[in-house]
Amino acid sequence: MSNFRTVVFAGIEDYRYKFFPTMSNARVIFKSRPGADNAPMVSNFQCEACSVPDPPGQGELTINSLFLSLDPALRCRMNDSTGVDYMKEWTVGEPVLGLGGVGVVTASCSASFAVGDMVQALMNWPWVERFNTRVDSALFPLYKLDDSLKYKPQLVLSLFGITGLTSYLGVKERGQLSADTKQTFVVSGAAGACGNLAGQMSPNSRVILCGQIAVYNKDLPYPPPISEEIQSILAERNITRERFLVLAYEDQFTDALRQLQLWYSEGKLKVPEFVHEGLKSAPQAFVDMITSVRQTHVGKQIVSVSWRERFVESPDQ
């Protein structure tokens, strides 16, 4: 006898119990702001139990989170203002909205998505185990994952997501590479997700400024100011320092992903990652990443919310 249940609401099968036999829910709340000049603390977050989402209404889905992306760029969302127009600050007392995430559809009232589909979003994935969303949400657009990624879906949070696109397009568009010229390529943050991938792609001779986690806990403009001594060195050696934002190259995303997929299939790119287990681990993992306290992990930082549960099989199968 199976321990899974299939429940019918308004004639629609709810597969939440099939995928996740023990039904509960949890979320991470943004509890307080650390201040623009202070390092974040775990106490700025709160993990709490919450109700299981209701059956979805028309045009809605129920999604169970599988993986969450941990990104240094989220640090600015802890401030009163992010300072950018493509991300909004977090609201105290509300669930944390991260960047990317991967989940599985467990109930659907939309012809666009079926139960069992794996989906991803590039922005605003909530730090919640199970939640409802509308398929036409402009703030939370969803995309189906290709079947080739069903056994390693977290790749869309690193190589085949914003991380990989930032690395590839940053080197390609800002590096001004020349295949027949000897160049020196230095990645100052090669232990991180973007820097690690960029370091595998090609040589270059410019300063491409994309993220600077060392000053994320300081109230400074971006790009952060540099000393007169460094400015003199840059001018003397004809070194350019340019800001790079991957969202400005959205029209190249499709071709870039095709190239990244090819290199990965050929074994030319490795994707180091460290997976933190459970939603409750997210606040500590994020704080460690931002503050570099106990941070010895290389590559993409990911939280596994319920990946292991996803493949629990019925005893009678």
C-alpha atoms as a PDB file:
ATOM      1  CA  MET A   1       0.000   0.000   0.000  1.00  0.00           C
ATOM      2  CA  SER A   2       1.436   3.347  -1.030  1.00  0.00           C
ATOM      3  CA  ASN A   3       1.951   6.085   1.536  1.00  0.00           C
ATOM      4  CA  PHE A   4       1.263   8.707  -1.158  1.00  0.00           C
ATOM      5  CA  ARG A   5      -2.131  10.348  -1.538  1.00  0.00           C
ATOM      6  CA  THR A   6      -3.745  11.964  -4.535  1.00  0.00           C
ATOM      7  CA  VAL A   7      -6.314  14.565  -3.533  1.00  0.00           C
ATOM      8  CA  VAL A   8      -8.934  16.022  -5.872  1.00  0.00           C
ATOM      9  CA  PHE A   9     -10.023  19.668  -5.585  1.00  0.00           C
ATOM     10  CA  ALA A  10     -12.686  20.907  -7.992  1.00  0.00           C
ATOM     11  CA  GLY A  11     -11.956  18.014 -10.311  1.00  0.00           C
ATOM     12  CA  ILE A  12      -8.216  18.756 -10.391  1.00  0.00           C
ATOM     13  CA  GLU A  13      -5.791  16.228  -8.963  1.00  0.00           C
ATOM     14  CA  ASP A  14      -3.467  17.717  -6.380  1.00  0.00           C
ATOM     15  CA  TYR A  15      -0.167  15.838  -6.577  1.00  0.00           C
ATOM     16  CA  ARG A  16       1.447  17.616  -3.652  1.00  0.00           C
ATOM     17  CA  TYR A  17       0.974  14.522  -1.525  1.00  0.00           C
ATOM     18  CA  LYS A  18       2.395  12.263  -4.227  1.00  0.00           C
ATOM     19  CA  PHE A  19       5.630  14.199  -4.527  1.00  0.00           C
ATOM     20  CA  PHE A  20       5.921  15.060  -0.841  1.00  0.00           C
ATOM     21  CA  PRO A  21       4.190  12.529   1.417  1.00  0.00           C
ATOM     22  CA  THR A  22       4.798  14.512   4.624  1.00  0.00           C
ATOM     23  CA  MET A  23       3.069  17.823   4.099  1.00  0.00           C
ATOM     24  CA  SER A  24       4.393  20.857   5.941  1.00  0.00           C
ATOM     25  CA  ASN A  25       5.754  24.207   4.952  1.00  0.00           C
ATOM     26  CA  ALA A  26       8.439  26.674   6.003  1.00  0.00           C
ATOM     27  CA  ARG A  27       9.783  30.037   4.922  1.00  0.00           C
ATOM     28  CA  VAL A  28      12.551  32.512   5.668  1.00  0.00           C
ATOM     29  CA  ILE A  29      11.418  35.973   6.771  1.00  0.00           C
ATOM     30  CA  PHE A  30      13.511  39.136   6.466  1.00  0.00           C
ATOM     31  CA  LYS A  31      13.459  40.263  10.093  1.00  0.00           C
ATOM     32  CA  SER A  32      15.652  43.396  10.217  1.00  0.00           C
ATOM     33  CA  ARG A  33      18.095  45.531   8.256  1.00  0.00           C
ATOM     34  CA  PRO A  34      21.769  45.319   9.252  1.00  0.00           C
ATOM     35  CA  GLY A  35      22.532  48.861   8.073  1.00  0.00           C
ATOM     36  CA  ALA A  36      24.404  49.797   4.909  1.00  0.00           C
ATOM     37  CA  ASP A  37      27.795  49.886   6.678  1.00  0.00           C
ATOM     38  CA  ASN A  38      27.379  46.702   8.692  1.00  0.00           C
ATOM     39  CA  ALA A  39      27.819  43.052   7.878  1.00  0.00           C
ATOM     40  CA  PRO A  40      24.606  41.004   7.800  1.00  0.00           C
ATOM     41  CA  MET A  41      23.869  38.597  10.618  1.00  0.00           C
ATOM     42  CA  VAL A  42      21.772  35.453  10.874  1.00  0.00           C
ATOM     43  CA  SER A  43      19.525  37.371  13.280  1.00  0.00           C
ATOM     44  CA  ASN A  44      18.446  39.531  10.317  1.00  0.00           C
ATOM     45  CA  PHE A  45      16.504  36.475   9.166  1.00  0.00           C
ATOM     46  CA  GLN A  46      13.924  34.229  10.755  1.00  0.00           C
ATOM     47  CA  CYS A  47      12.997  30.684   9.746  1.00  0.00           C
ATOM     48  CA  GLU A  48       9.430  29.780  10.583  1.00  0.00           C
ATOM     49  CA  ALA A  49       6.721  27.261   9.849  1.00  0.00           C
ATOM     50  CA  CYS A  50       3.839  28.458   7.696  1.00  0.00           C
ATOM     51  CA  SER A  51       0.658  27.066   6.213  1.00  0.00           C
ATOM     52  CA  VAL A  52       0.617  24.805   3.183  1.00  0.00           C
ATOM     53  CA  PRO A  53      -0.618  26.722   0.115  1.00  0.00           C
ATOM     54  CA  ASP A  54      -4.267  26.355  -0.875  1.00  0.00           C
ATOM     55  CA  PRO A  55      -5.135  24.538  -4.100  1.00  0.00           C
ATOM     56  CA  PRO A  56      -4.253  26.825  -7.026  1.00  0.00           C
ATOM     57  CA  GLY A  57      -6.880  28.955  -8.679  1.00  0.00           C
ATOM     58  CA  GLN A  58      -7.284  29.482 -12.400  1.00  0.00           C
ATOM     59  CA  GLY A  59      -3.973  30.455 -13.983  1.00  0.00           C
ATOM     60  CA  GLU A  60      -2.019  29.456 -10.878  1.00  0.00           C
ATOM     61  CA  LEU A  61       0.495  26.768  -9.946  1.00  0.00           C
ATOM     62  CA  THR A  62       1.658  25.191  -6.718  1.00  0.00           C
ATOM     63  CA  ILE A  63       5.443  24.849  -6.722  1.00  0.00           C
ATOM     64  CA  ASN A  64       7.719  22.982  -4.379  1.00  0.00           C
ATOM     65  CA  SER A  65      11.183  24.520  -4.185  1.00  0.00           C
ATOM     66  CA  LEU A  66      14.046  22.171  -5.005  1.00  0.00           C
ATOM     67  CA  PHE A  67      17.059  24.510  -5.091  1.00  0.00           C
ATOM     68  CA  LEU A  68      17.713  28.151  -4.182  1.00  0.00           C
ATOM     69  CA  SER A  69      20.564  30.258  -5.504  1.00  0.00           C
ATOM     70  CA  LEU A  70      22.708  32.176  -2.995  1.00  0.00           C
ATOM     71  CA  ASP A  71      23.997  35.368  -4.582  1.00  0.00           C
ATOM     72  CA  PRO A  72      26.148  38.206  -3.194  1.00  0.00           C
ATOM     73  CA  ALA A  73      24.005  40.651  -5.177  1.00  0.00           C
ATOM     74  CA  LEU A  74      21.216  40.067  -2.657  1.00  0.00           C
ATOM     75  CA  ARG A  75      23.166  42.067  -0.056  1.00  0.00           C
ATOM     76  CA  CYS A  76      21.870  45.374  -1.458  1.00  0.00           C
ATOM     77  CA  ARG A  77      18.276  44.197  -0.933  1.00  0.00           C
ATOM     78  CA  MET A  78      18.896  44.314   2.824  1.00  0.00           C
ATOM     79  CA  ASN A  79      19.357  48.104   2.693  1.00  0.00           C
ATOM     80  CA  ASP A  80      16.695  50.819   2.695  1.00  0.00           C
ATOM     81  CA  SER A  81      17.368  51.181  -1.031  1.00  0.00           C
ATOM     82  CA  THR A  82      19.157  48.825  -3.411  1.00  0.00           C
ATOM     83  CA  GLY A  83      20.628  51.686  -5.440  1.00  0.00           C
ATOM     84  CA  VAL A  84      19.652  49.941  -8.682  1.00  0.00           C
ATOM     85  CA  ASP A  85      16.453  49.852 -10.702  1.00  0.00           C
ATOM     86  CA  TYR A  86      16.382  46.128 -11.509  1.00  0.00           C
ATOM     87  CA  MET A  87      16.082  44.905  -7.897  1.00  0.00           C
ATOM     88  CA  LYS A  88      13.899  46.155  -5.081  1.00  0.00           C
ATOM     89  CA  GLU A  89      14.811  46.190  -1.413  1.00  0.00           C
ATOM     90  CA  TRP A  90      13.318  43.547   0.852  1.00  0.00           C
ATOM     91  CA  THR A  91      10.357  44.396   3.076  1.00  0.00           C
ATOM     92  CA  VAL A  92      10.893  43.732   6.772  1.00  0.00           C
ATOM     93  CA  GLY A  93       8.491  41.051   7.981  1.00  0.00           C
ATOM     94  CA  GLU A  94       7.984  39.565   4.514  1.00  0.00           C
ATOM     95  CA  PRO A  95       9.471  36.368   3.004  1.00  0.00           C
ATOM     96  CA  VAL A  96      12.893  36.767   1.426  1.00  0.00           C
ATOM     97  CA  LEU A  97      12.840  37.019  -2.372  1.00  0.00           C
ATOM     98  CA  GLY A  98      16.093  35.675  -3.750  1.00  0.00           C
ATOM     99  CA  LEU A  99      17.303  35.586  -7.321  1.00  0.00           C
ATOM    100  CA  GLY A 100      17.191  32.223  -9.077  1.00  0.00           C
ATOM    101  CA  GLY A 101      15.476  29.046  -7.993  1.00  0.00           C
ATOM    102  CA  VAL A 102      14.343  25.673  -9.273  1.00  0.00           C
ATOM    103  CA  GLY A 103      11.149  23.860  -8.357  1.00  0.00           C
ATOM    104  CA  VAL A 104       8.662  21.211  -9.402  1.00  0.00           C
ATOM    105  CA  VAL A 105       5.010  21.845 -10.228  1.00  0.00           C
ATOM    106  CA  THR A 106       2.845  19.825  -7.851  1.00  0.00           C
ATOM    107  CA  ALA A 107      -0.565  21.240  -8.793  1.00  0.00           C
ATOM    108  CA  SER A 108      -1.594  23.189 -11.866  1.00  0.00           C
ATOM    109  CA  CYS A 109      -4.571  25.180 -13.115  1.00  0.00           C
ATOM    110  CA  SER A 110      -2.786  26.265 -16.280  1.00  0.00           C
ATOM    111  CA  ALA A 111      -2.455  24.652 -19.679  1.00  0.00           C
ATOM    112  CA  SER A 112       1.113  25.969 -19.896  1.00  0.00           C
ATOM    113  CA  PHE A 113       2.500  23.808 -17.079  1.00  0.00           C
ATOM    114  CA  ALA A 114       1.787  20.228 -16.063  1.00  0.00           C
ATOM    115  CA  VAL A 115       2.215  18.483 -12.749  1.00  0.00           C
ATOM    116  CA  GLY A 116       5.771  17.168 -12.579  1.00  0.00           C
ATOM    117  CA  ASP A 117       7.280  19.918 -14.735  1.00  0.00           C
ATOM    118  CA  MET A 118      10.525  21.320 -13.397  1.00  0.00           C
ATOM    119  CA  VAL A 119      10.605  25.102 -13.607  1.00  0.00           C
ATOM    120  CA  GLN A 120      13.040  27.906 -12.944  1.00  0.00           C
ATOM    121  CA  ALA A 121      12.987  31.666 -12.468  1.00  0.00           C
ATOM    122  CA  LEU A 122      15.898  34.082 -12.757  1.00  0.00           C
ATOM    123  CA  MET A 123      14.570  36.626 -10.268  1.00  0.00           C
ATOM    124  CA  ASN A 124      12.488  36.808  -7.104  1.00  0.00           C
ATOM    125  CA  TRP A 125      12.347  33.121  -6.170  1.00  0.00           C
ATOM    126  CA  PRO A 126      10.880  33.118  -2.628  1.00  0.00           C
ATOM    127  CA  TRP A 127      12.734  31.408   0.196  1.00  0.00           C
ATOM    128  CA  VAL A 128       9.699  29.230   0.847  1.00  0.00           C
ATOM    129  CA  GLU A 129       9.378  25.453   0.621  1.00  0.00           C
ATOM    130  CA  ARG A 130       5.973  25.435  -1.096  1.00  0.00           C
ATOM    131  CA  PHE A 131       4.053  28.322  -2.636  1.00  0.00           C
ATOM    132  CA  ASN A 132       1.497  29.365  -5.242  1.00  0.00           C
ATOM    133  CA  THR A 133       2.187  31.711  -8.126  1.00  0.00           C
ATOM    134  CA  ARG A 134       0.462  32.973 -11.243  1.00  0.00           C
ATOM    135  CA  VAL A 135       1.834  31.869 -14.596  1.00  0.00           C
ATOM    136  CA  ASP A 136       1.443  35.394 -15.992  1.00  0.00           C
ATOM    137  CA  SER A 137       3.360  37.136 -13.199  1.00  0.00           C
ATOM    138  CA  ALA A 138       5.610  39.852 -14.637  1.00  0.00           C
ATOM    139  CA  LEU A 139       7.786  39.876 -11.497  1.00  0.00           C
ATOM    140  CA  PHE A 140       8.215  36.108 -11.430  1.00  0.00           C
ATOM    141  CA  PRO A 141       8.360  34.715 -14.984  1.00  0.00           C
ATOM    142  CA  LEU A 142       8.717  30.936 -15.040  1.00  0.00           C
ATOM    143  CA  TYR A 143      10.478  28.743 -17.585  1.00  0.00           C
ATOM    144  CA  LYS A 144      10.340  24.982 -18.037  1.00  0.00           C
ATOM    145  CA  LEU A 145      13.583  23.097 -17.664  1.00  0.00           C
ATOM    146  CA  ASP A 146      14.825  20.988 -20.541  1.00  0.00           C
ATOM    147  CA  ASP A 147      14.552  17.241 -19.898  1.00  0.00           C
ATOM    148  CA  SER A 148      18.316  16.939 -20.265  1.00  0.00           C
ATOM    149  CA  LEU A 149      18.662  18.768 -16.925  1.00  0.00           C
ATOM    150  CA  LYS A 150      16.213  16.690 -14.903  1.00  0.00           C
ATOM    151  CA  TYR A 151      18.976  14.938 -12.935  1.00  0.00           C
ATOM    152  CA  LYS A 152      21.066  18.078 -12.357  1.00  0.00           C
ATOM    153  CA  PRO A 153      18.619  20.995 -12.505  1.00  0.00           C
ATOM    154  CA  GLN A 154      20.804  23.219 -10.318  1.00  0.00           C
ATOM    155  CA  LEU A 155      22.978  23.887 -13.361  1.00  0.00           C
ATOM    156  CA  VAL A 156      20.453  26.562 -14.367  1.00  0.00           C
ATOM    157  CA  LEU A 157      21.484  28.445 -11.225  1.00  0.00           C
ATOM    158  CA  SER A 158      25.141  28.468 -12.234  1.00  0.00           C
ATOM    159  CA  LEU A 159      26.513  27.679 -15.686  1.00  0.00           C
ATOM    160  CA  PHE A 160      23.193  27.838 -17.554  1.00  0.00           C
ATOM    161  CA  GLY A 161      21.855  30.857 -15.671  1.00  0.00           C
ATOM    162  CA  ILE A 162      22.808  34.414 -14.777  1.00  0.00           C
ATOM    163  CA  THR A 163      26.149  33.227 -13.364  1.00  0.00           C
ATOM    164  CA  GLY A 164      27.287  31.574 -16.595  1.00  0.00           C
ATOM    165  CA  LEU A 165      25.895  34.360 -18.749  1.00  0.00           C
ATOM    166  CA  THR A 166      27.708  36.982 -16.669  1.00  0.00           C
ATOM    167  CA  SER A 167      31.001  35.116 -16.949  1.00  0.00           C
ATOM    168  CA  TYR A 168      30.753  34.433 -20.678  1.00  0.00           C
ATOM    169  CA  LEU A 169      29.393  37.789 -21.834  1.00  0.00           C
ATOM    170  CA  GLY A 170      31.667  39.712 -19.481  1.00  0.00           C
ATOM    171  CA  VAL A 171      34.741  38.103 -21.024  1.00  0.00           C
ATOM    172  CA  LYS A 172      33.375  38.195 -24.574  1.00  0.00           C
ATOM    173  CA  GLU A 173      31.944  41.714 -24.645  1.00  0.00           C
ATOM    174  CA  ARG A 174      34.221  43.608 -22.258  1.00  0.00           C
ATOM    175  CA  GLY A 175      37.443  41.643 -22.518  1.00  0.00           C
ATOM    176  CA  GLN A 176      38.028  42.542 -26.183  1.00  0.00           C
ATOM    177  CA  LEU A 177      39.852  39.275 -26.734  1.00  0.00           C
ATOM    178  CA  SER A 178      42.068  38.535 -29.696  1.00  0.00           C
ATOM    179  CA  ALA A 179      42.809  34.910 -30.515  1.00  0.00           C
ATOM    180  CA  ASP A 180      46.173  35.655 -32.153  1.00  0.00           C
ATOM    181  CA  THR A 181      47.504  37.933 -29.398  1.00  0.00           C
ATOM    182  CA  LYS A 182      49.276  36.863 -26.224  1.00  0.00           C
ATOM    183  CA  GLN A 183      47.321  38.258 -23.286  1.00  0.00           C
ATOM    184  CA  THR A 184      47.286  37.965 -19.524  1.00  0.00           C
ATOM    185  CA  PHE A 185      43.989  37.199 -17.840  1.00  0.00           C
ATOM    186  CA  VAL A 186      43.594  37.721 -14.095  1.00  0.00           C
ATOM    187  CA  VAL A 187      40.406  36.962 -12.164  1.00  0.00           C
ATOM    188  CA  SER A 188      40.529  38.622  -8.749  1.00  0.00           C
ATOM    189  CA  GLY A 189      37.642  36.593  -7.337  1.00  0.00           C
ATOM    190  CA  ALA A 190      38.187  33.180  -8.906  1.00  0.00           C
ATOM    191  CA  ALA A 191      36.811  31.310  -5.895  1.00  0.00           C
ATOM    192  CA  GLY A 192      33.345  32.680  -6.589  1.00  0.00           C
ATOM    193  CA  ALA A 193      30.749  31.337  -8.991  1.00  0.00           C
ATOM    194  CA  CYS A 194      31.257  33.898 -11.808  1.00  0.00           C
ATOM    195  CA  GLY A 195      35.014  34.302 -11.393  1.00  0.00           C
ATOM    196  CA  ASN A 196      35.629  30.565 -11.441  1.00  0.00           C
ATOM    197  CA  LEU A 197      33.815  30.149 -14.757  1.00  0.00           C
ATOM    198  CA  ALA A 198      35.335  33.298 -16.298  1.00  0.00           C
ATOM    199  CA  GLY A 199      38.805  32.001 -15.478  1.00  0.00           C
ATOM    200  CA  GLN A 200      38.165  28.910 -17.602  1.00  0.00           C
ATOM    201  CA  MET A 201      37.048  30.771 -20.697  1.00  0.00           C
ATOM    202  CA  SER A 202      39.841  32.910 -22.181  1.00  0.00           C
ATOM    203  CA  PRO A 203      42.734  35.366 -21.617  1.00  0.00           C
ATOM    204  CA  ASN A 204      42.203  39.181 -21.521  1.00  0.00           C
ATOM    205  CA  SER A 205      43.891  42.504 -20.638  1.00  0.00           C
ATOM    206  CA  ARG A 206      41.302  44.840 -19.176  1.00  0.00           C
ATOM    207  CA  VAL A 207      39.611  45.457 -15.838  1.00  0.00           C
ATOM    208  CA  ILE A 208      36.033  44.203 -16.143  1.00  0.00           C
ATOM    209  CA  LEU A 209      34.155  45.385 -13.067  1.00  0.00           C
ATOM    210  CA  CYS A 210      31.299  43.025 -12.263  1.00  0.00           C
ATOM    211  CA  GLY A 211      30.509  42.692  -8.589  1.00  0.00           C
ATOM    212  CA  GLN A 212      32.868  43.495  -5.735  1.00  0.00           C
ATOM    213  CA  ILE A 213      31.799  41.504  -2.714  1.00  0.00           C
ATOM    214  CA  ALA A 214      34.613  42.931  -0.561  1.00  0.00           C
ATOM    215  CA  VAL A 215      32.769  46.269  -0.307  1.00  0.00           C
ATOM    216  CA  TYR A 216      29.165  45.042  -0.236  1.00  0.00           C
ATOM    217  CA  ASN A 217      28.972  45.743   3.497  1.00  0.00           C
ATOM    218  CA  LYS A 218      30.029  49.374   3.042  1.00  0.00           C
ATOM    219  CA  ASP A 219      27.925  52.335   2.018  1.00  0.00           C
ATOM    220  CA  LEU A 220      29.801  53.191  -1.172  1.00  0.00           C
ATOM    221  CA  PRO A 221      28.722  54.144  -4.697  1.00  0.00           C
ATOM    222  CA  TYR A 222      29.147  51.596  -7.473  1.00  0.00           C
ATOM    223  CA  PRO A 223      31.657  51.321  -8.957  1.00  0.00           C
ATOM    224  CA  PRO A 224      33.482  51.982  -5.679  1.00  0.00           C
ATOM    225  CA  PRO A 225      36.091  54.758  -5.738  1.00  0.00           C
ATOM    226  CA  ILE A 226      39.783  53.915  -6.112  1.00  0.00           C
ATOM    227  CA  SER A 227      42.815  55.720  -4.756  1.00  0.00           C
ATOM    228  CA  GLU A 228      44.743  58.336  -6.735  1.00  0.00           C
ATOM    229  CA  GLU A 229      47.700  55.957  -6.826  1.00  0.00           C
ATOM    230  CA  ILE A 230      45.669  53.244  -8.547  1.00  0.00           C
ATOM    231  CA  GLN A 231      44.119  55.779 -10.896  1.00  0.00           C
ATOM    232  CA  SER A 232      47.642  56.856 -11.931  1.00  0.00           C
ATOM    233  CA  ILE A 233      48.667  53.262 -12.600  1.00  0.00           C
ATOM    234  CA  LEU A 234      45.574  52.663 -14.747  1.00  0.00           C
ATOM    235  CA  ALA A 235      46.267  55.812 -16.796  1.00  0.00           C
ATOM    236  CA  GLU A 236      49.990  55.121 -17.095  1.00  0.00           C
ATOM    237  CA  ARG A 237      49.461  51.590 -18.374  1.00  0.00           C
ATOM    238  CA  ASN A 238      46.422  52.428 -20.505  1.00  0.00           C
ATOM    239  CA  ILE A 239      44.200  50.048 -18.562  1.00  0.00           C
ATOM    240  CA  THR A 240      40.480  50.628 -18.814  1.00  0.00           C
ATOM    241  CA  ARG A 241      38.082  50.018 -15.938  1.00  0.00           C
ATOM    242  CA  GLU A 242      34.549  49.407 -17.154  1.00  0.00           C
ATOM    243  CA  ARG A 243      31.356  48.498 -15.381  1.00  0.00           C
ATOM    244  CA  PHE A 244      29.537  45.445 -16.688  1.00  0.00           C
ATOM    245  CA  LEU A 245      25.869  44.509 -16.213  1.00  0.00           C
ATOM    246  CA  VAL A 246      24.778  41.280 -17.885  1.00  0.00           C
ATOM    247  CA  LEU A 247      21.137  42.399 -18.169  1.00  0.00           C
ATOM    248  CA  ALA A 248      22.248  44.903 -20.819  1.00  0.00           C
ATOM    249  CA  TYR A 249      23.019  41.956 -23.128  1.00  0.00           C
ATOM    250  CA  GLU A 250      19.732  40.081 -22.920  1.00  0.00           C
ATOM    251  CA  ASP A 251      19.530  39.857 -26.711  1.00  0.00           C
ATOM    252  CA  GLN A 252      22.612  37.599 -26.637  1.00  0.00           C
ATOM    253  CA  PHE A 253      21.402  35.200 -23.943  1.00  0.00           C
ATOM    254  CA  THR A 254      20.202  32.473 -26.335  1.00  0.00           C
ATOM    255  CA  ASP A 255      23.449  32.297 -28.307  1.00  0.00           C
ATOM    256  CA  ALA A 256      25.509  32.514 -25.131  1.00  0.00           C
ATOM    257  CA  LEU A 257      23.661  29.620 -23.505  1.00  0.00           C
ATOM    258  CA  ARG A 258      24.122  27.557 -26.651  1.00  0.00           C
ATOM    259  CA  GLN A 259      27.883  28.102 -26.476  1.00  0.00           C
ATOM    260  CA  LEU A 260      28.006  27.280 -22.755  1.00  0.00           C
ATOM    261  CA  GLN A 261      26.040  24.079 -23.326  1.00  0.00           C
ATOM    262  CA  LEU A 262      28.460  23.059 -26.066  1.00  0.00           C
ATOM    263  CA  TRP A 263      31.546  23.653 -23.912  1.00  0.00           C
ATOM    264  CA  TYR A 264      29.964  21.761 -21.019  1.00  0.00           C
ATOM    265  CA  SER A 265      29.035  18.765 -23.215  1.00  0.00           C
ATOM    266  CA  GLU A 266      32.613  18.692 -24.524  1.00  0.00           C
ATOM    267  CA  GLY A 267      33.998  18.643 -21.000  1.00  0.00           C
ATOM    268  CA  LYS A 268      35.705  22.012 -21.409  1.00  0.00           C
ATOM    269  CA  LEU A 269      33.984  23.629 -18.421  1.00  0.00           C
ATOM    270  CA  LYS A 270      33.804  22.389 -14.849  1.00  0.00           C
ATOM    271  CA  VAL A 271      31.092  23.706 -12.548  1.00  0.00           C
ATOM    272  CA  PRO A 272      32.196  23.679  -8.896  1.00  0.00           C
ATOM    273  CA  GLU A 273      29.345  24.068  -6.455  1.00  0.00           C
ATOM    274  CA  PHE A 274      28.669  23.700  -2.761  1.00  0.00           C
ATOM    275  CA  VAL A 275      25.211  22.575  -1.723  1.00  0.00           C
ATOM    276  CA  HIS A 276      23.819  23.533   1.675  1.00  0.00           C
ATOM    277  CA  GLU A 277      21.125  21.154   2.904  1.00  0.00           C
ATOM    278  CA  GLY A 278      17.697  22.442   3.929  1.00  0.00           C
ATOM    279  CA  LEU A 279      15.938  25.790   3.811  1.00  0.00           C
ATOM    280  CA  LYS A 280      17.001  26.528   7.398  1.00  0.00           C
ATOM    281  CA  SER A 281      20.631  26.583   6.267  1.00  0.00           C
ATOM    282  CA  ALA A 282      20.045  29.518   3.880  1.00  0.00           C
ATOM    283  CA  PRO A 283      20.537  32.450   6.324  1.00  0.00           C
ATOM    284  CA  GLN A 284      23.794  31.116   7.772  1.00  0.00           C
ATOM    285  CA  ALA A 285      25.124  30.152   4.337  1.00  0.00           C
ATOM    286  CA  PHE A 286      24.296  33.606   2.939  1.00  0.00           C
ATOM    287  CA  VAL A 287      25.915  35.431   5.853  1.00  0.00           C
ATOM    288  CA  ASP A 288      29.057  33.272   5.642  1.00  0.00           C
ATOM    289  CA  MET A 289      29.322  33.984   1.909  1.00  0.00           C
ATOM    290  CA  ILE A 290      28.998  37.753   2.355  1.00  0.00           C
ATOM    291  CA  THR A 291      31.278  38.064   5.365  1.00  0.00           C
ATOM    292  CA  SER A 292      33.793  35.362   4.344  1.00  0.00           C
ATOM    293  CA  VAL A 293      33.500  33.906   7.849  1.00  0.00           C
ATOM    294  CA  ARG A 294      34.095  30.155   7.696  1.00  0.00           C
ATOM    295  CA  GLN A 295      33.806  30.509   3.934  1.00  0.00           C
ATOM    296  CA  THR A 296      36.036  27.835   2.453  1.00  0.00           C
ATOM    297  CA  HIS A 297      33.672  26.711  -0.289  1.00  0.00           C
ATOM    298  CA  VAL A 298      34.597  27.273  -3.922  1.00  0.00           C
ATOM    299  CA  GLY A 299      32.130  27.888  -6.737  1.00  0.00           C
ATOM    300  CA  LYS A 300      28.388  28.347  -6.781  1.00  0.00           C
ATOM    301  CA  GLN A 301      26.599  28.376  -3.423  1.00  0.00           C
ATOM    302  CA  ILE A 302      23.243  26.573  -3.563  1.00  0.00           C
ATOM    303  CA  VAL A 303      20.617  25.536  -1.030  1.00  0.00           C
ATOM    304  CA  SER A 304      18.934  22.171  -1.542  1.00  0.00           C
ATOM    305  CA  VAL A 305      15.418  22.657  -0.215  1.00  0.00           C
ATOM    306  CA  SER A 306      13.823  19.330  -1.095  1.00  0.00           C
ATOM    307  CA  TRP A 307      15.807  17.697  -3.896  1.00  0.00           C
ATOM    308  CA  ARG A 308      16.107  14.403  -2.053  1.00  0.00           C
ATOM    309  CA  GLU A 309      12.366  14.264  -1.381  1.00  0.00           C
ATOM    310  CA  ARG A 310      11.682  14.801  -5.077  1.00  0.00           C
ATOM    311  CA  PHE A 311      12.895  11.301  -5.865  1.00  0.00           C
ATOM    312  CA  VAL A 312      11.287   9.417  -2.979  1.00  0.00           C
ATOM    313  CA  GLU A 313       9.519   6.494  -4.584  1.00  0.00           C
ATOM    314  CA  SER A 314       6.370   4.730  -3.436  1.00  0.00           C
ATOM    315  CA  PRO A 315       7.050   1.445  -1.592  1.00  0.00           C
ATOM    316  CA  ASP A 316       4.759  -0.391  -4.010  1.00  0.00           C
ATOM    317  CA  GLN A 317       6.596   0.825  -7.134  1.00  0.00           C
END
